[in-house]
Protein backbone atom coordinates (compact mmCIF):
# COMPACT_ATOMS: atom_id res chain seq x y z
CA UNK A 1 -111.33 122.84 -66.75
CA UNK A 2 -114.38 121.13 -65.44
CA UNK A 3 -117.66 122.84 -64.96
CA UNK A 4 -119.50 122.29 -61.72
CA UNK A 5 -122.18 120.20 -63.46
CA UNK A 6 -119.55 117.90 -65.04
CA UNK A 7 -117.87 117.36 -61.66
CA UNK A 8 -121.22 116.47 -60.08
CA UNK A 9 -121.97 113.92 -62.79
CA UNK A 10 -118.47 112.45 -62.44
CA UNK A 11 -119.02 112.10 -58.69
CA UNK A 12 -122.24 110.23 -59.34
CA UNK A 13 -120.44 107.95 -61.78
CA UNK A 14 -117.71 107.32 -59.21
CA UNK A 15 -120.27 106.53 -56.52
CA UNK A 16 -121.87 104.03 -58.84
CA UNK A 17 -118.48 102.41 -59.38
CA UNK A 18 -118.25 102.07 -55.58
CA UNK A 19 -115.08 104.09 -55.05
CA UNK A 20 -114.24 107.67 -54.08
CA UNK A 21 -112.72 110.24 -56.35
CA UNK A 22 -110.28 111.19 -53.63
CA UNK A 23 -108.89 107.62 -53.52
CA UNK A 24 -107.80 107.38 -57.10
CA UNK A 25 -108.62 109.02 -60.37
CA UNK A 26 -107.20 109.82 -63.72
CA UNK A 27 -107.94 112.54 -66.20
CA UNK A 28 -108.99 111.04 -69.44
CA UNK A 29 -110.65 112.83 -72.33
CA UNK A 30 -111.70 115.79 -70.17
CA UNK A 31 -113.66 113.75 -67.62
CA UNK A 32 -112.80 111.84 -64.46
CA UNK A 33 -112.79 108.10 -64.43
CA UNK A 34 -112.49 106.12 -61.24
CA UNK A 35 -110.09 103.21 -61.33
CA UNK A 36 -110.50 100.27 -58.98
CA UNK A 37 -107.13 100.43 -57.27
CA UNK A 38 -106.85 98.91 -53.81
CA UNK A 39 -105.78 101.71 -51.50
CA UNK A 40 -105.15 100.85 -47.85
CA UNK A 41 -106.09 103.27 -45.18
CA UNK A 42 -103.51 104.03 -42.51
CA UNK A 43 -105.36 101.95 -39.92
CA UNK A 44 -105.50 98.90 -42.15
CA UNK A 45 -101.84 99.30 -43.02
CA UNK A 46 -100.93 99.49 -39.32
CA UNK A 47 -102.97 96.36 -38.58
CA UNK A 48 -101.20 94.44 -41.32
CA UNK A 49 -97.79 95.58 -40.08
CA UNK A 50 -98.68 94.55 -36.52
CA UNK A 51 -99.81 91.13 -37.68
CA UNK A 52 -96.59 90.67 -39.62
CA UNK A 53 -94.51 91.69 -36.61
CA UNK A 54 -96.40 89.30 -34.31
CA UNK A 55 -96.03 86.48 -36.81
CA UNK A 56 -92.28 87.12 -37.01
CA UNK A 57 -91.94 87.16 -33.23
CA UNK A 58 -93.90 83.91 -32.85
CA UNK A 59 -91.77 82.22 -35.49
CA UNK A 60 -88.61 83.35 -33.72
CA UNK A 61 -89.87 82.15 -30.34
CA UNK A 62 -90.90 78.74 -31.66
CA UNK A 63 -87.61 78.29 -33.48
CA UNK A 64 -85.54 79.22 -30.45
CA UNK A 65 -87.80 77.15 -28.19
CA UNK A 66 -87.14 74.07 -30.29
CA UNK A 67 -83.43 74.74 -30.18
CA UNK A 68 -83.49 75.22 -26.39
CA UNK A 69 -85.38 71.98 -25.72
CA UNK A 70 -83.00 70.02 -27.93
CA UNK A 71 -80.03 71.64 -26.23
CA UNK A 72 -81.30 70.93 -22.70
CA UNK A 73 -81.79 67.23 -23.38
CA UNK A 74 -78.20 66.82 -24.52
CA UNK A 75 -76.64 68.32 -21.37
CA UNK A 76 -74.36 65.85 -19.61
CA UNK A 77 -73.62 65.68 -15.89
CA UNK A 78 -71.45 63.68 -13.53
CA UNK A 79 -73.15 62.80 -10.26
CA UNK A 80 -72.13 60.75 -7.25
CA UNK A 81 -74.86 61.18 -4.64
CA UNK A 82 -75.66 58.83 -1.77
CA UNK A 83 -79.11 58.72 -0.14
CA UNK A 84 -80.27 61.94 -1.76
CA UNK A 85 -83.77 63.19 -2.43
CA UNK A 86 -85.17 64.63 -5.66
CA UNK A 87 -84.70 68.20 -4.45
CA UNK A 88 -80.96 67.63 -3.90
CA UNK A 89 -80.62 65.89 -7.26
CA UNK A 90 -82.30 68.73 -9.16
CA UNK A 91 -80.19 71.32 -7.36
CA UNK A 92 -77.01 69.46 -8.32
CA UNK A 93 -78.14 69.25 -11.96
CA UNK A 94 -78.88 72.99 -11.85
CA UNK A 95 -75.37 73.72 -10.52
CA UNK A 96 -73.70 71.75 -13.32
CA UNK A 97 -75.92 72.71 -16.26
CA UNK A 98 -77.95 75.78 -15.36
CA UNK A 99 -81.20 73.92 -16.09
CA UNK A 100 -84.05 74.98 -13.85
CA UNK A 101 -86.94 72.73 -12.83
CA UNK A 102 -90.48 73.47 -11.72
CA UNK A 103 -91.97 70.98 -9.28
CA UNK A 104 -94.02 70.67 -6.10
CA UNK A 105 -91.64 70.06 -3.20
CA UNK A 106 -94.34 68.33 -1.13
CA UNK A 107 -94.95 65.75 -3.85
CA UNK A 108 -91.30 64.88 -4.41
CA UNK A 109 -90.62 64.80 -0.65
CA UNK A 110 -92.79 61.64 -0.47
CA UNK A 111 -90.40 59.71 -2.71
CA UNK A 112 -87.80 57.43 -1.18
CA UNK A 113 -84.16 58.46 -1.06
CA UNK A 114 -81.88 56.95 -3.66
CA UNK A 115 -78.28 56.71 -4.82
CA UNK A 116 -77.11 58.25 -8.08
CA UNK A 117 -73.81 57.36 -9.72
CA UNK A 118 -73.59 58.80 -13.21
CA UNK A 119 -70.47 59.58 -15.20
CA UNK A 120 -71.05 61.92 -18.18
CA UNK A 121 -74.70 60.91 -18.66
CA UNK A 122 -77.41 62.99 -20.27
CA UNK A 123 -79.86 64.71 -17.93
CA UNK A 124 -82.92 63.12 -19.53
CA UNK A 125 -81.50 59.61 -19.02
CA UNK A 126 -80.87 60.27 -15.32
CA UNK A 127 -84.31 61.76 -14.72
CA UNK A 128 -86.06 58.97 -16.63
CA UNK A 129 -84.23 56.43 -14.49
CA UNK A 130 -85.10 58.22 -11.23
CA UNK A 131 -88.81 58.61 -12.02
CA UNK A 132 -89.20 55.20 -13.71
CA UNK A 133 -90.96 53.38 -10.82
CA UNK A 134 -92.83 56.37 -9.41
CA UNK A 135 -96.21 57.90 -10.20
CA UNK A 136 -94.38 61.03 -11.38
CA UNK A 137 -92.68 61.79 -14.63
CA UNK A 138 -90.33 64.46 -15.84
CA UNK A 139 -91.47 66.40 -18.90
CA UNK A 140 -88.99 68.57 -20.81
């Protein structure tokens, strides 16, 4: 057993070693020796777990996002539209593929009407052709 004076001196030794006796200790030759073992507190452990979870979620989102953009560009449609506007074209593409578009209706309403005749063409080819001679472009 330790005497009170020995325990006090061991605490001073542990403080000098810059670690707490409650964190880690071993009994060796009838005195306490503090080992430098990295012990995480619960808060630090929770922070690390949260960071790992967020990293995993971001990796999943970026991976699926890349897959979705590659998939959307390879969608094919068949269109036969006469004197249509961009709004009608995008609605028809949405009906056939499920792709949704974000645009300002006032801006695309200024564009001239056009004819579209496409048999099994990719969506990106059609949109590039439509917006080729306009100040607008389609980004996907």
